[in-house]
PDB file of N, CA and C in Angstrom:
ATOM      1  N   MET A   1      -6.227 -13.710  16.037  1.00  0.00           N
ATOM      2  CA  MET A   1      -7.132 -13.021  15.212  1.00  0.00           C
ATOM      3  C   MET A   1      -8.454 -14.040  15.355  1.00  0.00           C
ATOM      4  N   HIS A   2      -9.686 -13.528  15.642  1.00  0.00           N
ATOM      5  CA  HIS A   2     -10.826 -14.385  15.569  1.00  0.00           C
ATOM      6  C   HIS A   2     -11.546 -14.308  14.165  1.00  0.00           C
ATOM      7  N   LYS A   3     -11.653 -15.591  13.637  1.00  0.00           N
ATOM      8  CA  LYS A   3     -12.125 -15.520  12.273  1.00  0.00           C
ATOM      9  C   LYS A   3     -13.538 -16.561  12.065  1.00  0.00           C
ATOM     10  N   SER A   4     -14.121 -16.745  13.182  1.00  0.00           N
ATOM     11  CA  SER A   4     -15.228 -17.393  13.190  1.00  0.00           C
ATOM     12  C   SER A   4     -16.389 -17.022  12.203  1.00  0.00           C
ATOM     13  N   GLY A   5     -16.494 -15.561  12.123  1.00  0.00           N
ATOM     14  CA  GLY A   5     -17.189 -15.114  11.246  1.00  0.00           C
ATOM     15  C   GLY A   5     -17.272 -15.450   9.777  1.00  0.00           C
ATOM     16  N   TYR A   6     -16.023 -15.829   9.346  1.00  0.00           N
ATOM     17  CA  TYR A   6     -15.826 -16.385   7.918  1.00  0.00           C
ATOM     18  C   TYR A   6     -16.272 -17.601   7.897  1.00  0.00           C
ATOM     19  N   LYS A   7     -16.235 -18.631   9.051  1.00  0.00           N
ATOM     20  CA  LYS A   7     -16.615 -19.901   9.070  1.00  0.00           C
ATOM     21  C   LYS A   7     -18.007 -20.138   8.891  1.00  0.00           C
ATOM     22  N   SER A   8     -18.862 -19.126   9.343  1.00  0.00           N
ATOM     23  CA  SER A   8     -20.177 -19.016   9.291  1.00  0.00           C
ATOM     24  C   SER A   8     -20.832 -18.460   8.289  1.00  0.00           C
ATOM     25  N   HIS A   9     -20.093 -17.718   7.561  1.00  0.00           N
ATOM     26  CA  HIS A   9     -20.715 -17.122   6.074  1.00  0.00           C
ATOM     27  C   HIS A   9     -21.023 -18.261   5.353  1.00  0.00           C
ATOM     28  N   SER A  10     -22.459 -18.150   4.835  1.00  0.00           N
ATOM     29  CA  SER A  10     -23.057 -19.266   3.996  1.00  0.00           C
ATOM     30  C   SER A  10     -23.125 -19.077   2.603  1.00  0.00           C
ATOM     31  N   ILE A  11     -22.723 -17.669   2.200  1.00  0.00           N
ATOM     32  CA  ILE A  11     -22.570 -17.513   0.599  1.00  0.00           C
ATOM     33  C   ILE A  11     -21.494 -18.106  -0.020  1.00  0.00           C
ATOM     34  N   HIS A  12     -21.766 -18.653  -1.288  1.00  0.00           N
ATOM     35  CA  HIS A  12     -20.773 -19.353  -2.129  1.00  0.00           C
ATOM     36  C   HIS A  12     -19.817 -18.214  -2.497  1.00  0.00           C
ATOM     37  N   ARG A  13     -18.607 -18.487  -2.257  1.00  0.00           N
ATOM     38  CA  ARG A  13     -17.644 -17.740  -2.879  1.00  0.00           C
ATOM     39  C   ARG A  13     -16.970 -18.189  -3.993  1.00  0.00           C
ATOM     40  N   THR A  14     -16.741 -17.441  -5.031  1.00  0.00           N
ATOM     41  CA  THR A  14     -16.325 -17.452  -6.311  1.00  0.00           C
ATOM     42  C   THR A  14     -14.934 -17.868  -6.337  1.00  0.00           C
ATOM     43  N   THR A  15     -14.694 -19.036  -6.587  1.00  0.00           N
ATOM     44  CA  THR A  15     -13.248 -19.381  -6.969  1.00  0.00           C
ATOM     45  C   THR A  15     -12.579 -18.716  -8.280  1.00  0.00           C
ATOM     46  N   GLN A  16     -11.197 -18.472  -8.370  1.00  0.00           N
ATOM     47  CA  GLN A  16     -10.592 -17.999  -9.549  1.00  0.00           C
ATOM     48  C   GLN A  16     -11.026 -18.927 -10.786  1.00  0.00           C
ATOM     49  N   ALA A  17     -11.262 -20.185 -10.637  1.00  0.00           N
ATOM     50  CA  ALA A  17     -11.612 -21.132 -11.790  1.00  0.00           C
ATOM     51  C   ALA A  17     -12.956 -20.777 -12.195  1.00  0.00           C
ATOM     52  N   GLU A  18     -13.751 -20.285 -11.303  1.00  0.00           N
ATOM     53  CA  GLU A  18     -15.000 -20.051 -11.719  1.00  0.00           C
ATOM     54  C   GLU A  18     -15.436 -18.596 -12.132  1.00  0.00           C
ATOM     55  N   ASP A  19     -14.466 -17.798 -11.859  1.00  0.00           N
ATOM     56  CA  ASP A  19     -14.499 -16.358 -12.463  1.00  0.00           C
ATOM     57  C   ASP A  19     -14.179 -16.015 -13.885  1.00  0.00           C
ATOM     58  N   ASP A  20     -15.059 -15.698 -14.611  1.00  0.00           N
ATOM     59  CA  ASP A  20     -15.140 -15.465 -15.992  1.00  0.00           C
ATOM     60  C   ASP A  20     -14.078 -14.156 -16.326  1.00  0.00           C
ATOM     61  N   ILE A  21     -14.418 -13.066 -15.577  1.00  0.00           N
ATOM     62  CA  ILE A  21     -13.511 -12.020 -15.693  1.00  0.00           C
ATOM     63  C   ILE A  21     -11.907 -12.287 -15.316  1.00  0.00           C
ATOM     64  N   PHE A  22     -11.736 -12.950 -14.250  1.00  0.00           N
ATOM     65  CA  PHE A  22     -10.379 -13.566 -13.971  1.00  0.00           C
ATOM     66  C   PHE A  22      -9.872 -14.257 -15.095  1.00  0.00           C
ATOM     67  N   GLN A  23     -10.479 -15.231 -15.584  1.00  0.00           N
ATOM     68  CA  GLN A  23     -10.193 -16.067 -16.677  1.00  0.00           C
ATOM     69  C   GLN A  23      -9.657 -15.182 -17.863  1.00  0.00           C
ATOM     70  N   GLU A  24     -10.835 -14.505 -18.260  1.00  0.00           N
ATOM     71  CA  GLU A  24     -10.727 -13.462 -19.575  1.00  0.00           C
ATOM     72  C   GLU A  24      -9.503 -12.480 -19.566  1.00  0.00           C
ATOM     73  N   GLN A  25      -9.245 -12.183 -18.510  1.00  0.00           N
ATOM     74  CA  GLN A  25      -8.025 -11.118 -18.225  1.00  0.00           C
ATOM     75  C   GLN A  25      -6.757 -11.736 -17.785  1.00  0.00           C
ATOM     76  N   HIS A  26      -6.808 -13.069 -18.068  1.00  0.00           N
ATOM     77  CA  HIS A  26      -5.397 -13.779 -17.902  1.00  0.00           C
ATOM     78  C   HIS A  26      -5.125 -13.529 -16.548  1.00  0.00           C
ATOM     79  N   GLY A  27      -5.908 -13.716 -15.398  1.00  0.00           N
ATOM     80  CA  GLY A  27      -5.552 -13.453 -14.074  1.00  0.00           C
ATOM     81  C   GLY A  27      -4.269 -14.330 -13.711  1.00  0.00           C
ATOM     82  N   THR A  28      -4.302 -15.625 -14.054  1.00  0.00           N
ATOM     83  CA  THR A  28      -3.170 -16.394 -13.578  1.00  0.00           C
ATOM     84  C   THR A  28      -1.800 -15.863 -13.855  1.00  0.00           C
ATOM     85  N   GLU A  29      -1.842 -15.208 -14.831  1.00  0.00           N
ATOM     86  CA  GLU A  29      -0.668 -14.714 -15.436  1.00  0.00           C
ATOM     87  C   GLU A  29      -0.220 -13.347 -14.776  1.00  0.00           C
ATOM     88  N   SER A  30      -1.150 -12.679 -13.891  1.00  0.00           N
ATOM     89  CA  SER A  30      -0.939 -11.383 -13.499  1.00  0.00           C
ATOM     90  C   SER A  30      -1.098 -11.261 -11.913  1.00  0.00           C
ATOM     91  N   LEU A  31      -0.862 -12.520 -11.362  1.00  0.00           N
ATOM     92  CA  LEU A  31      -0.915 -12.624  -9.704  1.00  0.00           C
ATOM     93  C   LEU A  31       0.433 -12.021  -9.133  1.00  0.00           C
ATOM     94  N   ALA A  32       0.028 -11.512  -7.995  1.00  0.00           N
ATOM     95  CA  ALA A  32       1.369 -11.241  -7.247  1.00  0.00           C
ATOM     96  C   ALA A  32       1.688 -12.374  -6.438  1.00  0.00           C
ATOM     97  N   LYS A  33       3.128 -12.507  -6.534  1.00  0.00           N
ATOM     98  CA  LYS A  33       3.605 -13.792  -5.910  1.00  0.00           C
ATOM     99  C   LYS A  33       4.113 -13.246  -4.292  1.00  0.00           C
ATOM    100  N   LEU A  34       3.333 -13.859  -3.401  1.00  0.00           N
ATOM    101  CA  LEU A  34       3.360 -13.457  -1.762  1.00  0.00           C
ATOM    102  C   LEU A  34       4.488 -14.483  -1.182  1.00  0.00           C
ATOM    103  N   ASN A  35       5.097 -13.857  -0.396  1.00  0.00           N
ATOM    104  CA  ASN A  35       6.276 -14.454   0.541  1.00  0.00           C
ATOM    105  C   ASN A  35       5.814 -13.980   1.980  1.00  0.00           C
ATOM    106  N   LEU A  36       5.938 -14.725   2.956  1.00  0.00           N
ATOM    107  CA  LEU A  36       5.879 -14.279   4.323  1.00  0.00           C
ATOM    108  C   LEU A  36       7.059 -13.315   4.606  1.00  0.00           C
ATOM    109  N   ALA A  37       6.885 -12.164   5.218  1.00  0.00           N
ATOM    110  CA  ALA A  37       7.669 -11.025   5.483  1.00  0.00           C
ATOM    111  C   ALA A  37       8.966 -11.846   6.470  1.00  0.00           C
ATOM    112  N   ASN A  38       8.405 -12.610   7.253  1.00  0.00           N
ATOM    113  CA  ASN A  38       9.113 -13.348   8.509  1.00  0.00           C
ATOM    114  C   ASN A  38       8.702 -14.800   8.621  1.00  0.00           C
ATOM    115  N   ALA A  39       9.494 -15.840   7.966  1.00  0.00           N
ATOM    116  CA  ALA A  39       8.880 -17.100   8.069  1.00  0.00           C
ATOM    117  C   ALA A  39       8.607 -17.621   9.670  1.00  0.00           C
ATOM    118  N   ASP A  40       9.364 -17.070  10.341  1.00  0.00           N
ATOM    119  CA  ASP A  40       9.163 -17.433  11.850  1.00  0.00           C
ATOM    120  C   ASP A  40       7.916 -16.577  12.540  1.00  0.00           C
ATOM    121  N   ARG A  41       7.449 -15.494  11.904  1.00  0.00           N
ATOM    122  CA  ARG A  41       6.318 -14.693  12.451  1.00  0.00           C
ATOM    123  C   ARG A  41       5.451 -14.493  11.402  1.00  0.00           C
ATOM    124  N   PRO A  42       4.538 -15.376  11.081  1.00  0.00           N
ATOM    125  CA  PRO A  42       3.467 -15.360  10.154  1.00  0.00           C
ATOM    126  C   PRO A  42       2.579 -13.866  10.269  1.00  0.00           C
ATOM    127  N   ASP A  43       2.476 -13.630  11.427  1.00  0.00           N
ATOM    128  CA  ASP A  43       1.585 -12.279  11.766  1.00  0.00           C
ATOM    129  C   ASP A  43       2.255 -11.180  11.318  1.00  0.00           C
ATOM    130  N   ASP A  44       3.454 -11.173  10.721  1.00  0.00           N
ATOM    131  CA  ASP A  44       4.130 -10.077  10.363  1.00  0.00           C
ATOM    132  C   ASP A  44       3.691  -9.694   8.882  1.00  0.00           C
ATOM    133  N   GLY A  45       3.071 -10.486   8.537  1.00  0.00           N
ATOM    134  CA  GLY A  45       2.571 -10.269   7.063  1.00  0.00           C
ATOM    135  C   GLY A  45       3.223 -10.717   5.904  1.00  0.00           C
ATOM    136  N   TYR A  46       2.846 -10.126   4.553  1.00  0.00           N
ATOM    137  CA  TYR A  46       3.480 -10.810   3.573  1.00  0.00           C
ATOM    138  C   TYR A  46       4.149  -9.762   2.566  1.00  0.00           C
ATOM    139  N   VAL A  47       5.161 -10.166   1.804  1.00  0.00           N
ATOM    140  CA  VAL A  47       5.874  -9.214   0.839  1.00  0.00           C
ATOM    141  C   VAL A  47       5.441  -9.537  -0.426  1.00  0.00           C
ATOM    142  N   ALA A  48       4.825  -8.663  -1.429  1.00  0.00           N
ATOM    143  CA  ALA A  48       4.554  -9.084  -2.658  1.00  0.00           C
ATOM    144  C   ALA A  48       5.526  -8.701  -3.727  1.00  0.00           C
ATOM    145  N   GLU A  49       5.746  -9.690  -4.642  1.00  0.00           N
ATOM    146  CA  GLU A  49       6.563  -9.504  -5.652  1.00  0.00           C
ATOM    147  C   GLU A  49       5.594  -9.291  -7.097  1.00  0.00           C
ATOM    148  N   LEU A  50       6.138  -8.389  -7.678  1.00  0.00           N
ATOM    149  CA  LEU A  50       5.414  -8.094  -9.056  1.00  0.00           C
ATOM    150  C   LEU A  50       6.485  -7.981 -10.014  1.00  0.00           C
ATOM    151  N   ILE A  51       6.149  -8.583 -11.406  1.00  0.00           N
ATOM    152  CA  ILE A  51       7.006  -8.270 -12.391  1.00  0.00           C
ATOM    153  C   ILE A  51       6.378  -7.653 -13.515  1.00  0.00           C
ATOM    154  N   VAL A  52       6.808  -6.405 -13.808  1.00  0.00           N
ATOM    155  CA  VAL A  52       6.190  -5.658 -14.650  1.00  0.00           C
ATOM    156  C   VAL A  52       7.212  -5.108 -15.952  1.00  0.00           C
ATOM    157  N   ALA A  53       6.421  -5.288 -17.181  1.00  0.00           N
ATOM    158  CA  ALA A  53       7.301  -5.096 -18.420  1.00  0.00           C
ATOM    159  C   ALA A  53       6.880  -3.449 -18.753  1.00  0.00           C
ATOM    160  N   VAL A  54       7.912  -2.782 -19.142  1.00  0.00           N
ATOM    161  CA  VAL A  54       7.829  -1.412 -19.428  1.00  0.00           C
ATOM    162  C   VAL A  54       8.472  -1.246 -20.846  1.00  0.00           C
ATOM    163  N   ASP A  55       7.723  -0.420 -21.769  1.00  0.00           N
ATOM    164  CA  ASP A  55       8.414  -0.186 -22.961  1.00  0.00           C
ATOM    165  C   ASP A  55       8.798   1.173 -23.061  1.00  0.00           C
ATOM    166  N   PRO A  56      10.100   1.196 -22.934  1.00  0.00           N
ATOM    167  CA  PRO A  56      10.838   2.751 -22.777  1.00  0.00           C
ATOM    168  C   PRO A  56      10.686   3.525 -24.082  1.00  0.00           C
ATOM    169  N   THR A  57      10.123   3.027 -25.196  1.00  0.00           N
ATOM    170  CA  THR A  57      10.116   3.761 -26.319  1.00  0.00           C
ATOM    171  C   THR A  57       8.821   4.471 -26.424  1.00  0.00           C
ATOM    172  N   LYS A  58       7.781   4.108 -25.783  1.00  0.00           N
ATOM    173  CA  LYS A  58       6.332   4.683 -25.701  1.00  0.00           C
ATOM    174  C   LYS A  58       6.283   6.140 -25.033  1.00  0.00           C
ATOM    175  N   THR A  59       5.538   6.872 -25.471  1.00  0.00           N
ATOM    176  CA  THR A  59       5.454   8.181 -24.842  1.00  0.00           C
ATOM    177  C   THR A  59       3.804   8.117 -24.313  1.00  0.00           C
ATOM    178  N   ALA A  60       3.754   8.522 -22.864  1.00  0.00           N
ATOM    179  CA  ALA A  60       2.426   8.433 -22.363  1.00  0.00           C
ATOM    180  C   ALA A  60       1.439   9.565 -23.198  1.00  0.00           C
ATOM    181  N   ALA A  61       0.230   9.149 -23.043  1.00  0.00           N
ATOM    182  CA  ALA A  61      -0.743   9.944 -23.612  1.00  0.00           C
ATOM    183  C   ALA A  61      -1.244  11.101 -22.743  1.00  0.00           C
ATOM    184  N   GLY A  62      -1.436  12.319 -23.266  1.00  0.00           N
ATOM    185  CA  GLY A  62      -1.609  13.571 -22.319  1.00  0.00           C
ATOM    186  C   GLY A  62      -3.011  13.117 -21.496  1.00  0.00           C
ATOM    187  N   VAL A  63      -3.005  13.699 -20.091  1.00  0.00           N
ATOM    188  CA  VAL A  63      -3.941  13.306 -19.280  1.00  0.00           C
ATOM    189  C   VAL A  63      -4.605  14.831 -18.810  1.00  0.00           C
ATOM    190  N   GLY A  64      -6.033  15.035 -19.049  1.00  0.00           N
ATOM    191  CA  GLY A  64      -6.659  16.111 -18.543  1.00  0.00           C
ATOM    192  C   GLY A  64      -6.894  16.084 -17.073  1.00  0.00           C
ATOM    193  N   MET A  65      -7.831  16.963 -16.663  1.00  0.00           N
ATOM    194  CA  MET A  65      -8.278  17.030 -15.232  1.00  0.00           C
ATOM    195  C   MET A  65      -9.286  15.984 -15.045  1.00  0.00           C
ATOM    196  N   GLY A  66      -9.662  15.197 -15.745  1.00  0.00           N
ATOM    197  CA  GLY A  66     -10.838  14.196 -15.555  1.00  0.00           C
ATOM    198  C   GLY A  66     -11.949  14.437 -16.223  1.00  0.00           C
ATOM    199  N   GLY A  67     -13.175  13.760 -15.842  1.00  0.00           N
ATOM    200  CA  GLY A  67     -14.371  13.892 -16.644  1.00  0.00           C
ATOM    201  C   GLY A  67     -14.190  13.232 -18.061  1.00  0.00           C
ATOM    202  N   PRO A  68     -15.475  13.463 -18.748  1.00  0.00           N
ATOM    203  CA  PRO A  68     -15.631  12.932 -19.915  1.00  0.00           C
ATOM    204  C   PRO A  68     -14.883  13.801 -21.088  1.00  0.00           C
ATOM    205  N   PRO A  69     -14.464  13.192 -22.077  1.00  0.00           N
ATOM    206  CA  PRO A  69     -13.729  13.645 -23.261  1.00  0.00           C
ATOM    207  C   PRO A  69     -14.433  14.847 -23.609  1.00  0.00           C
ATOM    208  N   ALA A  70     -13.881  16.009 -24.270  1.00  0.00           N
ATOM    209  CA  ALA A  70     -14.800  17.108 -24.680  1.00  0.00           C
ATOM    210  C   ALA A  70     -15.734  16.866 -25.703  1.00  0.00           C
ATOM    211  N   SER A  71     -15.487  15.614 -26.536  1.00  0.00           N
ATOM    212  CA  SER A  71     -16.554  15.057 -27.667  1.00  0.00           C
ATOM    213  C   SER A  71     -17.835  14.627 -27.059  1.00  0.00           C
ATOM    214  N   ARG A  72     -17.703  14.334 -25.961  1.00  0.00           N
ATOM    215  CA  ARG A  72     -19.093  13.849 -25.158  1.00  0.00           C
ATOM    216  C   ARG A  72     -19.729  14.919 -24.557  1.00  0.00           C
ATOM    217  N   MET A  73     -19.332  16.353 -24.251  1.00  0.00           N
ATOM    218  CA  MET A  73     -19.942  17.202 -23.487  1.00  0.00           C
ATOM    219  C   MET A  73     -21.058  17.704 -24.283  1.00  0.00           C
TER     220      MET A  73
END
């Protein structure tokens, strides 16, 4: 894979430490853990691990067909 285009890119890339939205949304606590799919073949890609909490006592709110709520029409 040829990556020279990225090396010559001159704009500043915002780091996670500089990203106010990432910080305000507790980004470090919500990142996927990435592992190589095959340690011997990095080009095979990654497997992401996510831990999600679910409250089984909650009931989902009804969802319409989209668009603004009726009170805004």
